Amino acid sequence: MATNSIKWTDGATSWVGEFQGGGFGSGVSIIFTRLDRPGGGPALHQHPYSETFLVRKGVVRFTVGTQSLDAAAGEIVVVAPDTPHQFTGVSDEVEMIDIHASRRFITQWL
């Protein structure tokens, strides 16, 4: 059995950056999100696949379609394919793992 592995970080206390799985034979891509102040986050966008957010630290306000919800550390938010969404940090520090159900990132900015 062939395996692929990468070394992501050397002892950092938080992860930031992106991983596109296609080059490693994976069907998912990941963004390690860190927001250092309230109000930060991406503009409204959508993907042709689902996106799953694992909130690791802080509080995040999501807009998903026409709904708004706050998610705190330990909560998971799933956005269906082709659904406009965005998020903003509510607390001083936010850390999330954003899992894209795709070998590569495909984003349509709205």
PDB file of N, CA and C in Angstrom:
ATOM      1  N   MET A   1       0.850  -1.182   0.000  1.00  0.00           N
ATOM      2  CA  MET A   1       0.000   0.000   0.000  1.00  0.00           C
ATOM      3  C   MET A   1       0.891   1.239   0.000  1.00  0.00           C
ATOM      4  N   ALA A   2       0.632   2.142  -0.915  1.00  0.00           N
ATOM      5  CA  ALA A   2       1.367   3.396  -0.988  1.00  0.00           C
ATOM      6  C   ALA A   2       0.682   4.438  -0.104  1.00  0.00           C
ATOM      7  N   THR A   3       1.467   5.230   0.598  1.00  0.00           N
ATOM      8  CA  THR A   3       0.920   6.308   1.422  1.00  0.00           C
ATOM      9  C   THR A   3       1.652   7.595   1.117  1.00  0.00           C
ATOM     10  N   ASN A   4       0.970   8.686   1.345  1.00  0.00           N
ATOM     11  CA  ASN A   4       1.572  10.002   1.203  1.00  0.00           C
ATOM     12  C   ASN A   4       1.456  10.696   2.546  1.00  0.00           C
ATOM     13  N   SER A   5       2.483  11.391   2.955  1.00  0.00           N
ATOM     14  CA  SER A   5       2.389  12.182   4.179  1.00  0.00           C
ATOM     15  C   SER A   5       3.192  13.454   3.988  1.00  0.00           C
ATOM     16  N   ILE A   6       2.789  14.463   4.702  1.00  0.00           N
ATOM     17  CA  ILE A   6       3.521  15.718   4.701  1.00  0.00           C
ATOM     18  C   ILE A   6       3.717  16.138   6.145  1.00  0.00           C
ATOM     19  N   LYS A   7       4.764  16.873   6.401  1.00  0.00           N
ATOM     20  CA  LYS A   7       4.973  17.445   7.723  1.00  0.00           C
ATOM     21  C   LYS A   7       4.399  18.847   7.661  1.00  0.00           C
ATOM     22  N   TRP A   8       3.359  19.085   8.452  1.00  0.00           N
ATOM     23  CA  TRP A   8       2.653  20.352   8.337  1.00  0.00           C
ATOM     24  C   TRP A   8       3.339  21.456   9.111  1.00  0.00           C
ATOM     25  N   THR A   9       3.757  21.197  10.337  1.00  0.00           N
ATOM     26  CA  THR A   9       4.284  22.257  11.180  1.00  0.00           C
ATOM     27  C   THR A   9       5.331  21.715  12.136  1.00  0.00           C
ATOM     28  N   ASP A  10       6.236  22.555  12.541  1.00  0.00           N
ATOM     29  CA  ASP A  10       7.257  22.181  13.512  1.00  0.00           C
ATOM     30  C   ASP A  10       6.930  22.776  14.871  1.00  0.00           C
ATOM     31  N   GLY A  11       5.939  22.224  15.548  1.00  0.00           N
ATOM     32  CA  GLY A  11       5.631  22.653  16.904  1.00  0.00           C
ATOM     33  C   GLY A  11       4.916  23.975  17.035  1.00  0.00           C
ATOM     34  N   ALA A  12       4.339  24.488  15.977  1.00  0.00           N
ATOM     35  CA  ALA A  12       3.597  25.746  16.072  1.00  0.00           C
ATOM     36  C   ALA A  12       2.376  25.547  16.964  1.00  0.00           C
ATOM     37  N   THR A  13       1.968  26.594  17.666  1.00  0.00           N
ATOM     38  CA  THR A  13       0.812  26.479  18.552  1.00  0.00           C
ATOM     39  C   THR A  13      -0.502  26.542  17.788  1.00  0.00           C
ATOM     40  N   SER A  14      -0.521  27.087  16.592  1.00  0.00           N
ATOM     41  CA  SER A  14      -1.724  27.069  15.763  1.00  0.00           C
ATOM     42  C   SER A  14      -1.319  26.865  14.313  1.00  0.00           C
ATOM     43  N   TRP A  15      -2.211  26.249  13.572  1.00  0.00           N
ATOM     44  CA  TRP A  15      -1.951  25.987  12.164  1.00  0.00           C
ATOM     45  C   TRP A  15      -2.624  27.051  11.322  1.00  0.00           C
ATOM     46  N   VAL A  16      -1.961  27.478  10.265  1.00  0.00           N
ATOM     47  CA  VAL A  16      -2.552  28.363   9.276  1.00  0.00           C
ATOM     48  C   VAL A  16      -2.077  27.888   7.912  1.00  0.00           C
ATOM     49  N   GLY A  17      -2.902  28.109   6.902  1.00  0.00           N
ATOM     50  CA  GLY A  17      -2.506  27.735   5.552  1.00  0.00           C
ATOM     51  C   GLY A  17      -3.509  26.815   4.899  1.00  0.00           C
ATOM     52  N   GLU A  18      -3.119  26.274   3.750  1.00  0.00           N
ATOM     53  CA  GLU A  18      -4.008  25.461   2.935  1.00  0.00           C
ATOM     54  C   GLU A  18      -3.325  24.170   2.516  1.00  0.00           C
ATOM     55  N   PHE A  19      -4.153  23.152   2.293  1.00  0.00           N
ATOM     56  CA  PHE A  19      -3.695  21.862   1.796  1.00  0.00           C
ATOM     57  C   PHE A  19      -4.676  21.416   0.722  1.00  0.00           C
ATOM     58  N   GLN A  20      -4.195  21.244  -0.517  1.00  0.00           N
ATOM     59  CA  GLN A  20      -5.028  20.719  -1.601  1.00  0.00           C
ATOM     60  C   GLN A  20      -4.690  19.233  -1.747  1.00  0.00           C
ATOM     61  N   GLY A  21      -5.691  18.395  -1.520  1.00  0.00           N
ATOM     62  CA  GLY A  21      -5.465  16.968  -1.418  1.00  0.00           C
ATOM     63  C   GLY A  21      -5.182  16.225  -2.702  1.00  0.00           C
ATOM     64  N   GLY A  22      -5.578  16.774  -3.844  1.00  0.00           N
ATOM     65  CA  GLY A  22      -5.444  16.066  -5.112  1.00  0.00           C
ATOM     66  C   GLY A  22      -4.043  15.570  -5.397  1.00  0.00           C
ATOM     67  N   GLY A  23      -3.043  16.348  -5.088  1.00  0.00           N
ATOM     68  CA  GLY A  23      -1.666  15.957  -5.346  1.00  0.00           C
ATOM     69  C   GLY A  23      -1.176  14.838  -4.449  1.00  0.00           C
ATOM     70  N   PHE A  24      -1.959  14.512  -3.423  1.00  0.00           N
ATOM     71  CA  PHE A  24      -1.597  13.462  -2.486  1.00  0.00           C
ATOM     72  C   PHE A  24      -2.556  12.276  -2.559  1.00  0.00           C
ATOM     73  N   GLY A  25      -3.430  12.278  -3.577  1.00  0.00           N
ATOM     74  CA  GLY A  25      -4.383  11.193  -3.727  1.00  0.00           C
ATOM     75  C   GLY A  25      -5.582  11.296  -2.800  1.00  0.00           C
ATOM     76  N   SER A  26      -5.807  12.478  -2.224  1.00  0.00           N
ATOM     77  CA  SER A  26      -6.924  12.681  -1.309  1.00  0.00           C
ATOM     78  C   SER A  26      -8.085  13.376  -2.015  1.00  0.00           C
ATOM     79  N   GLY A  27      -9.289  13.068  -1.613  1.00  0.00           N
ATOM     80  CA  GLY A  27     -10.476  13.693  -2.179  1.00  0.00           C
ATOM     81  C   GLY A  27     -10.948  14.902  -1.406  1.00  0.00           C
ATOM     82  N   VAL A  28     -10.141  15.382  -0.441  1.00  0.00           N
ATOM     83  CA  VAL A  28     -10.502  16.580   0.322  1.00  0.00           C
ATOM     84  C   VAL A  28      -9.353  17.582   0.300  1.00  0.00           C
ATOM     85  N   SER A  29      -9.716  18.847   0.483  1.00  0.00           N
ATOM     86  CA  SER A  29      -8.752  19.930   0.644  1.00  0.00           C
ATOM     87  C   SER A  29      -9.108  20.655   1.939  1.00  0.00           C
ATOM     88  N   ILE A  30      -8.108  21.259   2.570  1.00  0.00           N
ATOM     89  CA  ILE A  30      -8.308  21.816   3.905  1.00  0.00           C
ATOM     90  C   ILE A  30      -7.719  23.220   3.986  1.00  0.00           C
ATOM     91  N   ILE A  31      -8.439  24.094   4.679  1.00  0.00           N
ATOM     92  CA  ILE A  31      -7.904  25.408   5.039  1.00  0.00           C
ATOM     93  C   ILE A  31      -7.826  25.463   6.564  1.00  0.00           C
ATOM     94  N   PHE A  32      -6.677  25.810   7.090  1.00  0.00           N
ATOM     95  CA  PHE A  32      -6.505  26.034   8.520  1.00  0.00           C
ATOM     96  C   PHE A  32      -6.651  27.537   8.732  1.00  0.00           C
ATOM     97  N   THR A  33      -7.782  27.945   9.288  1.00  0.00           N
ATOM     98  CA  THR A  33      -8.126  29.359   9.424  1.00  0.00           C
ATOM     99  C   THR A  33      -7.780  29.867  10.812  1.00  0.00           C
ATOM    100  N   ARG A  34      -7.161  31.023  10.865  1.00  0.00           N
ATOM    101  CA  ARG A  34      -6.921  31.726  12.124  1.00  0.00           C
ATOM    102  C   ARG A  34      -7.274  33.193  11.914  1.00  0.00           C
ATOM    103  N   LEU A  35      -8.160  33.718  12.749  1.00  0.00           N
ATOM    104  CA  LEU A  35      -8.537  35.130  12.728  1.00  0.00           C
ATOM    105  C   LEU A  35      -8.111  35.731  14.058  1.00  0.00           C
ATOM    106  N   ASP A  36      -7.359  36.820  14.016  1.00  0.00           N
ATOM    107  CA  ASP A  36      -6.781  37.402  15.226  1.00  0.00           C
ATOM    108  C   ASP A  36      -7.596  38.525  15.840  1.00  0.00           C
ATOM    109  N   ARG A  37      -8.699  38.913  15.188  1.00  0.00           N
ATOM    110  CA  ARG A  37      -9.521  40.001  15.745  1.00  0.00           C
ATOM    111  C   ARG A  37     -10.940  39.868  15.211  1.00  0.00           C
ATOM    112  N   PRO A  38     -11.905  40.391  15.933  1.00  0.00           N
ATOM    113  CA  PRO A  38     -13.283  40.329  15.451  1.00  0.00           C
ATOM    114  C   PRO A  38     -13.430  41.026  14.096  1.00  0.00           C
ATOM    115  N   GLY A  39     -14.325  40.499  13.275  1.00  0.00           N
ATOM    116  CA  GLY A  39     -14.629  41.124  11.995  1.00  0.00           C
ATOM    117  C   GLY A  39     -13.901  40.539  10.810  1.00  0.00           C
ATOM    118  N   GLY A  40     -12.848  39.784  11.020  1.00  0.00           N
ATOM    119  CA  GLY A  40     -12.106  39.206   9.908  1.00  0.00           C
ATOM    120  C   GLY A  40     -12.829  38.010   9.319  1.00  0.00           C
ATOM    121  N   GLY A  41     -12.581  37.737   8.054  1.00  0.00           N
ATOM    122  CA  GLY A  41     -13.168  36.582   7.382  1.00  0.00           C
ATOM    123  C   GLY A  41     -13.353  36.860   5.904  1.00  0.00           C
ATOM    124  N   PRO A  42     -13.689  35.822   5.127  1.00  0.00           N
ATOM    125  CA  PRO A  42     -13.804  35.988   3.675  1.00  0.00           C
ATOM    126  C   PRO A  42     -15.132  36.623   3.258  1.00  0.00           C
ATOM    127  N   ALA A  43     -15.153  37.155   2.051  1.00  0.00           N
ATOM    128  CA  ALA A  43     -16.377  37.704   1.451  1.00  0.00           C
ATOM    129  C   ALA A  43     -17.318  36.556   1.076  1.00  0.00           C
ATOM    130  N   LEU A  44     -18.541  36.910   0.727  1.00  0.00           N
ATOM    131  CA  LEU A  44     -19.547  35.927   0.334  1.00  0.00           C
ATOM    132  C   LEU A  44     -19.066  35.138  -0.881  1.00  0.00           C
ATOM    133  N   HIS A  45     -19.208  33.811  -0.801  1.00  0.00           N
ATOM    134  CA  HIS A  45     -18.745  32.939  -1.883  1.00  0.00           C
ATOM    135  C   HIS A  45     -19.509  31.615  -1.817  1.00  0.00           C
ATOM    136  N   GLN A  46     -19.251  30.739  -2.775  1.00  0.00           N
ATOM    137  CA  GLN A  46     -19.839  29.403  -2.774  1.00  0.00           C
ATOM    138  C   GLN A  46     -18.903  28.433  -3.483  1.00  0.00           C
ATOM    139  N   HIS A  47     -19.172  27.131  -3.273  1.00  0.00           N
ATOM    140  CA  HIS A  47     -18.387  26.062  -3.881  1.00  0.00           C
ATOM    141  C   HIS A  47     -19.345  25.034  -4.477  1.00  0.00           C
ATOM    142  N   PRO A  48     -18.926  24.288  -5.506  1.00  0.00           N
ATOM    143  CA  PRO A  48     -19.792  23.259  -6.080  1.00  0.00           C
ATOM    144  C   PRO A  48     -19.769  21.949  -5.282  1.00  0.00           C
ATOM    145  N   TYR A  49     -19.269  21.991  -4.069  1.00  0.00           N
ATOM    146  CA  TYR A  49     -19.164  20.840  -3.167  1.00  0.00           C
ATOM    147  C   TYR A  49     -19.450  21.335  -1.748  1.00  0.00           C
ATOM    148  N   SER A  50     -19.654  20.426  -0.827  1.00  0.00           N
ATOM    149  CA  SER A  50     -19.922  20.830   0.558  1.00  0.00           C
ATOM    150  C   SER A  50     -18.630  21.287   1.243  1.00  0.00           C
ATOM    151  N   GLU A  51     -18.813  22.108   2.273  1.00  0.00           N
ATOM    152  CA  GLU A  51     -17.692  22.555   3.099  1.00  0.00           C
ATOM    153  C   GLU A  51     -18.091  22.352   4.557  1.00  0.00           C
ATOM    154  N   THR A  52     -17.189  21.761   5.319  1.00  0.00           N
ATOM    155  CA  THR A  52     -17.425  21.475   6.727  1.00  0.00           C
ATOM    156  C   THR A  52     -16.435  22.276   7.567  1.00  0.00           C
ATOM    157  N   PHE A  53     -16.957  23.030   8.523  1.00  0.00           N
ATOM    158  CA  PHE A  53     -16.144  23.886   9.388  1.00  0.00           C
ATOM    159  C   PHE A  53     -16.097  23.293  10.792  1.00  0.00           C
ATOM    160  N   LEU A  54     -14.914  23.056  11.322  1.00  0.00           N
ATOM    161  CA  LEU A  54     -14.731  22.610  12.693  1.00  0.00           C
ATOM    162  C   LEU A  54     -14.165  23.783  13.474  1.00  0.00           C
ATOM    163  N   VAL A  55     -14.951  24.355  14.363  1.00  0.00           N
ATOM    164  CA  VAL A  55     -14.503  25.502  15.150  1.00  0.00           C
ATOM    165  C   VAL A  55     -13.679  24.976  16.327  1.00  0.00           C
ATOM    166  N   ARG A  56     -12.410  25.328  16.360  1.00  0.00           N
ATOM    167  CA  ARG A  56     -11.501  24.850  17.409  1.00  0.00           C
ATOM    168  C   ARG A  56     -11.349  25.842  18.539  1.00  0.00           C
ATOM    169  N   LYS A  57     -11.487  27.141  18.232  1.00  0.00           N
ATOM    170  CA  LYS A  57     -11.271  28.169  19.250  1.00  0.00           C
ATOM    171  C   LYS A  57     -12.087  29.393  18.886  1.00  0.00           C
ATOM    172  N   GLY A  58     -12.719  30.017  19.876  1.00  0.00           N
ATOM    173  CA  GLY A  58     -13.423  31.267  19.655  1.00  0.00           C
ATOM    174  C   GLY A  58     -14.856  31.098  19.202  1.00  0.00           C
ATOM    175  N   VAL A  59     -15.417  32.224  18.721  1.00  0.00           N
ATOM    176  CA  VAL A  59     -16.792  32.271  18.229  1.00  0.00           C
ATOM    177  C   VAL A  59     -16.787  32.883  16.836  1.00  0.00           C
ATOM    178  N   VAL A  60     -17.533  32.249  15.918  1.00  0.00           N
ATOM    179  CA  VAL A  60     -17.592  32.665  14.520  1.00  0.00           C
ATOM    180  C   VAL A  60     -19.050  32.874  14.134  1.00  0.00           C
ATOM    181  N   ARG A  61     -19.339  33.948  13.406  1.00  0.00           N
ATOM    182  CA  ARG A  61     -20.683  34.187  12.882  1.00  0.00           C
ATOM    183  C   ARG A  61     -20.701  33.771  11.410  1.00  0.00           C
ATOM    184  N   PHE A  62     -21.546  32.799  11.107  1.00  0.00           N
ATOM    185  CA  PHE A  62     -21.705  32.304   9.751  1.00  0.00           C
ATOM    186  C   PHE A  62     -22.963  32.892   9.129  1.00  0.00           C
ATOM    187  N   THR A  63     -22.868  33.243   7.857  1.00  0.00           N
ATOM    188  CA  THR A  63     -24.037  33.516   7.040  1.00  0.00           C
ATOM    189  C   THR A  63     -24.069  32.403   6.009  1.00  0.00           C
ATOM    190  N   VAL A  64     -25.158  31.633   6.027  1.00  0.00           N
ATOM    191  CA  VAL A  64     -25.318  30.496   5.122  1.00  0.00           C
ATOM    192  C   VAL A  64     -26.655  30.665   4.431  1.00  0.00           C
ATOM    193  N   GLY A  65     -26.613  30.962   3.140  1.00  0.00           N
ATOM    194  CA  GLY A  65     -27.853  31.287   2.434  1.00  0.00           C
ATOM    195  C   GLY A  65     -28.421  32.559   3.042  1.00  0.00           C
ATOM    196  N   THR A  66     -29.635  32.496   3.546  1.00  0.00           N
ATOM    197  CA  THR A  66     -30.274  33.670   4.162  1.00  0.00           C
ATOM    198  C   THR A  66     -30.251  33.598   5.684  1.00  0.00           C
ATOM    199  N   GLN A  67     -29.612  32.566   6.243  1.00  0.00           N
ATOM    200  CA  GLN A  67     -29.574  32.396   7.692  1.00  0.00           C
ATOM    201  C   GLN A  67     -28.239  32.835   8.277  1.00  0.00           C
ATOM    202  N   SER A  68     -28.280  33.267   9.526  1.00  0.00           N
ATOM    203  CA  SER A  68     -27.086  33.634  10.260  1.00  0.00           C
ATOM    204  C   SER A  68     -27.049  32.812  11.546  1.00  0.00           C
ATOM    205  N   LEU A  69     -25.861  32.328  11.912  1.00  0.00           N
ATOM    206  CA  LEU A  69     -25.724  31.571  13.147  1.00  0.00           C
ATOM    207  C   LEU A  69     -24.336  31.761  13.723  1.00  0.00           C
ATOM    208  N   ASP A  70     -24.251  31.701  15.040  1.00  0.00           N
ATOM    209  CA  ASP A  70     -22.966  31.765  15.724  1.00  0.00           C
ATOM    210  C   ASP A  70     -22.557  30.357  16.122  1.00  0.00           C
ATOM    211  N   ALA A  71     -21.287  30.029  15.909  1.00  0.00           N
ATOM    212  CA  ALA A  71     -20.755  28.731  16.300  1.00  0.00           C
ATOM    213  C   ALA A  71     -19.532  28.972  17.184  1.00  0.00           C
ATOM    214  N   ALA A  72     -19.440  28.208  18.265  1.00  0.00           N
ATOM    215  CA  ALA A  72     -18.338  28.351  19.223  1.00  0.00           C
ATOM    216  C   ALA A  72     -17.445  27.117  19.170  1.00  0.00           C
ATOM    217  N   ALA A  73     -16.310  27.208  19.845  1.00  0.00           N
ATOM    218  CA  ALA A  73     -15.353  26.102  19.896  1.00  0.00           C
ATOM    219  C   ALA A  73     -16.072  24.796  20.220  1.00  0.00           C
ATOM    220  N   GLY A  74     -15.764  23.753  19.445  1.00  0.00           N
ATOM    221  CA  GLY A  74     -16.377  22.450  19.625  1.00  0.00           C
ATOM    222  C   GLY A  74     -17.562  22.204  18.719  1.00  0.00           C
ATOM    223  N   GLU A  75     -18.030  23.231  18.006  1.00  0.00           N
ATOM    224  CA  GLU A  75     -19.176  23.067  17.117  1.00  0.00           C
ATOM    225  C   GLU A  75     -18.713  22.860  15.674  1.00  0.00           C
ATOM    226  N   ILE A  76     -19.585  22.220  14.899  1.00  0.00           N
ATOM    227  CA  ILE A  76     -19.320  21.933  13.488  1.00  0.00           C
ATOM    228  C   ILE A  76     -20.452  22.522  12.658  1.00  0.00           C
ATOM    229  N   VAL A  77     -20.090  23.196  11.569  1.00  0.00           N
ATOM    230  CA  VAL A  77     -21.067  23.774  10.648  1.00  0.00           C
ATOM    231  C   VAL A  77     -20.813  23.162   9.277  1.00  0.00           C
ATOM    232  N   VAL A  78     -21.881  22.689   8.627  1.00  0.00           N
ATOM    233  CA  VAL A  78     -21.768  22.116   7.287  1.00  0.00           C
ATOM    234  C   VAL A  78     -22.568  22.987   6.321  1.00  0.00           C
ATOM    235  N   VAL A  79     -21.923  23.375   5.230  1.00  0.00           N
ATOM    236  CA  VAL A  79     -22.566  24.175   4.188  1.00  0.00           C
ATOM    237  C   VAL A  79     -22.732  23.287   2.956  1.00  0.00           C
ATOM    238  N   ALA A  80     -23.955  23.201   2.460  1.00  0.00           N
ATOM    239  CA  ALA A  80     -24.264  22.363   1.295  1.00  0.00           C
ATOM    240  C   ALA A  80     -23.629  22.944   0.024  1.00  0.00           C
ATOM    241  N   PRO A  81     -23.436  22.110  -0.994  1.00  0.00           N
ATOM    242  CA  PRO A  81     -22.892  22.597  -2.269  1.00  0.00           C
ATOM    243  C   PRO A  81     -23.738  23.735  -2.843  1.00  0.00           C
ATOM    244  N   ASP A  82     -23.069  24.639  -3.533  1.00  0.00           N
ATOM    245  CA  ASP A  82     -23.704  25.756  -4.245  1.00  0.00           C
ATOM    246  C   ASP A  82     -24.530  26.657  -3.332  1.00  0.00           C
ATOM    247  N   THR A  83     -24.151  26.760  -2.063  1.00  0.00           N
ATOM    248  CA  THR A  83     -24.841  27.620  -1.105  1.00  0.00           C
ATOM    249  C   THR A  83     -23.957  28.813  -0.768  1.00  0.00           C
ATOM    250  N   PRO A  84     -24.407  30.043  -1.028  1.00  0.00           N
ATOM    251  CA  PRO A  84     -23.610  31.221  -0.668  1.00  0.00           C
ATOM    252  C   PRO A  84     -23.355  31.238   0.841  1.00  0.00           C
ATOM    253  N   HIS A  85     -22.124  31.534   1.225  1.00  0.00           N
ATOM    254  CA  HIS A  85     -21.772  31.587   2.637  1.00  0.00           C
ATOM    255  C   HIS A  85     -20.561  32.484   2.869  1.00  0.00           C
ATOM    256  N   GLN A  86     -20.435  32.904   4.119  1.00  0.00           N
ATOM    257  CA  GLN A  86     -19.269  33.658   4.579  1.00  0.00           C
ATOM    258  C   GLN A  86     -19.231  33.528   6.087  1.00  0.00           C
ATOM    259  N   PHE A  87     -18.127  33.928   6.684  1.00  0.00           N
ATOM    260  CA  PHE A  87     -18.031  33.931   8.134  1.00  0.00           C
ATOM    261  C   PHE A  87     -17.163  35.085   8.594  1.00  0.00           C
ATOM    262  N   THR A  88     -17.411  35.522   9.820  1.00  0.00           N
ATOM    263  CA  THR A  88     -16.608  36.572  10.440  1.00  0.00           C
ATOM    264  C   THR A  88     -16.327  36.183  11.885  1.00  0.00           C
ATOM    265  N   GLY A  89     -15.151  36.568  12.349  1.00  0.00           N
ATOM    266  CA  GLY A  89     -14.807  36.316  13.732  1.00  0.00           C
ATOM    267  C   GLY A  89     -15.628  37.204  14.654  1.00  0.00           C
ATOM    268  N   VAL A  90     -16.129  36.635  15.745  1.00  0.00           N
ATOM    269  CA  VAL A  90     -16.851  37.391  16.756  1.00  0.00           C
ATOM    270  C   VAL A  90     -15.930  37.628  17.957  1.00  0.00           C
ATOM    271  N   SER A  91     -15.125  36.642  18.291  1.00  0.00           N
ATOM    272  CA  SER A  91     -14.213  36.752  19.431  1.00  0.00           C
ATOM    273  C   SER A  91     -12.837  37.236  18.975  1.00  0.00           C
ATOM    274  N   ASP A  92     -11.977  37.518  19.944  1.00  0.00           N
ATOM    275  CA  ASP A  92     -10.635  38.027  19.637  1.00  0.00           C
ATOM    276  C   ASP A  92      -9.784  37.041  18.851  1.00  0.00           C
ATOM    277  N   GLU A  93      -9.919  35.755  19.136  1.00  0.00           N
ATOM    278  CA  GLU A  93      -9.135  34.744  18.426  1.00  0.00           C
ATOM    279  C   GLU A  93     -10.067  33.635  17.951  1.00  0.00           C
ATOM    280  N   VAL A  94      -9.927  33.272  16.690  1.00  0.00           N
ATOM    281  CA  VAL A  94     -10.712  32.185  16.110  1.00  0.00           C
ATOM    282  C   VAL A  94      -9.754  31.235  15.408  1.00  0.00           C
ATOM    283  N   GLU A  95      -9.963  29.937  15.615  1.00  0.00           N
ATOM    284  CA  GLU A  95      -9.250  28.914  14.859  1.00  0.00           C
ATOM    285  C   GLU A  95     -10.263  27.899  14.363  1.00  0.00           C
ATOM    286  N   MET A  96     -10.176  27.570  13.072  1.00  0.00           N
ATOM    287  CA  MET A  96     -11.071  26.589  12.470  1.00  0.00           C
ATOM    288  C   MET A  96     -10.298  25.703  11.507  1.00  0.00           C
ATOM    289  N   ILE A  97     -10.844  24.531  11.272  1.00  0.00           N
ATOM    290  CA  ILE A  97     -10.392  23.660  10.195  1.00  0.00           C
ATOM    291  C   ILE A  97     -11.552  23.603   9.208  1.00  0.00           C
ATOM    292  N   ASP A  98     -11.315  24.041   7.983  1.00  0.00           N
ATOM    293  CA  ASP A  98     -12.344  24.128   6.942  1.00  0.00           C
ATOM    294  C   ASP A  98     -12.072  23.021   5.922  1.00  0.00           C
ATOM    295  N   ILE A  99     -12.943  22.036   5.870  1.00  0.00           N
ATOM    296  CA  ILE A  99     -12.736  20.874   5.017  1.00  0.00           C
ATOM    297  C   ILE A  99     -13.596  21.002   3.761  1.00  0.00           C
ATOM    298  N   HIS A 100     -12.934  21.057   2.619  1.00  0.00           N
ATOM    299  CA  HIS A 100     -13.603  21.146   1.313  1.00  0.00           C
ATOM    300  C   HIS A 100     -13.683  19.737   0.726  1.00  0.00           C
ATOM    301  N   ALA A 101     -14.875  19.297   0.358  1.00  0.00           N
ATOM    302  CA  ALA A 101     -15.072  17.962  -0.196  1.00  0.00           C
ATOM    303  C   ALA A 101     -14.675  17.949  -1.673  1.00  0.00           C
ATOM    304  N   SER A 102     -13.404  18.234  -1.921  1.00  0.00           N
ATOM    305  CA  SER A 102     -12.895  18.331  -3.284  1.00  0.00           C
ATOM    306  C   SER A 102     -11.377  18.148  -3.280  1.00  0.00           C
ATOM    307  N   ARG A 103     -10.858  17.589  -4.336  1.00  0.00           N
ATOM    308  CA  ARG A 103      -9.407  17.404  -4.472  1.00  0.00           C
ATOM    309  C   ARG A 103      -8.666  18.740  -4.598  1.00  0.00           C
ATOM    310  N   ARG A 104      -9.412  19.798  -4.991  1.00  0.00           N
ATOM    311  CA  ARG A 104      -8.814  21.126  -5.144  1.00  0.00           C
ATOM    312  C   ARG A 104      -9.870  22.173  -4.787  1.00  0.00           C
ATOM    313  N   PHE A 105      -9.414  23.375  -4.479  1.00  0.00           N
ATOM    314  CA  PHE A 105     -10.341  24.455  -4.140  1.00  0.00           C
ATOM    315  C   PHE A 105     -10.991  25.000  -5.401  1.00  0.00           C
ATOM    316  N   ILE A 106     -12.304  25.131  -5.360  1.00  0.00           N
ATOM    317  CA  ILE A 106     -13.069  25.761  -6.434  1.00  0.00           C
ATOM    318  C   ILE A 106     -13.990  26.763  -5.756  1.00  0.00           C
ATOM    319  N   THR A 107     -13.721  28.049  -5.943  1.00  0.00           N
ATOM    320  CA  THR A 107     -14.480  29.088  -5.249  1.00  0.00           C
ATOM    321  C   THR A 107     -15.054  30.080  -6.237  1.00  0.00           C
ATOM    322  N   GLN A 108     -16.335  30.359  -6.087  1.00  0.00           N
ATOM    323  CA  GLN A 108     -16.980  31.418  -6.866  1.00  0.00           C
ATOM    324  C   GLN A 108     -17.289  32.561  -5.903  1.00  0.00           C
ATOM    325  N   TRP A 109     -16.600  33.688  -6.095  1.00  0.00           N
ATOM    326  CA  TRP A 109     -16.821  34.867  -5.234  1.00  0.00           C
ATOM    327  C   TRP A 109     -18.064  35.589  -5.722  1.00  0.00           C
ATOM    328  N   LEU A 110     -18.905  35.969  -4.793  1.00  0.00           N
ATOM    329  CA  LEU A 110     -20.189  36.574  -5.149  1.00  0.00           C
ATOM    330  C   LEU A 110     -20.217  38.056  -4.835  1.00  0.00           C
TER     331      LEU A 110
END
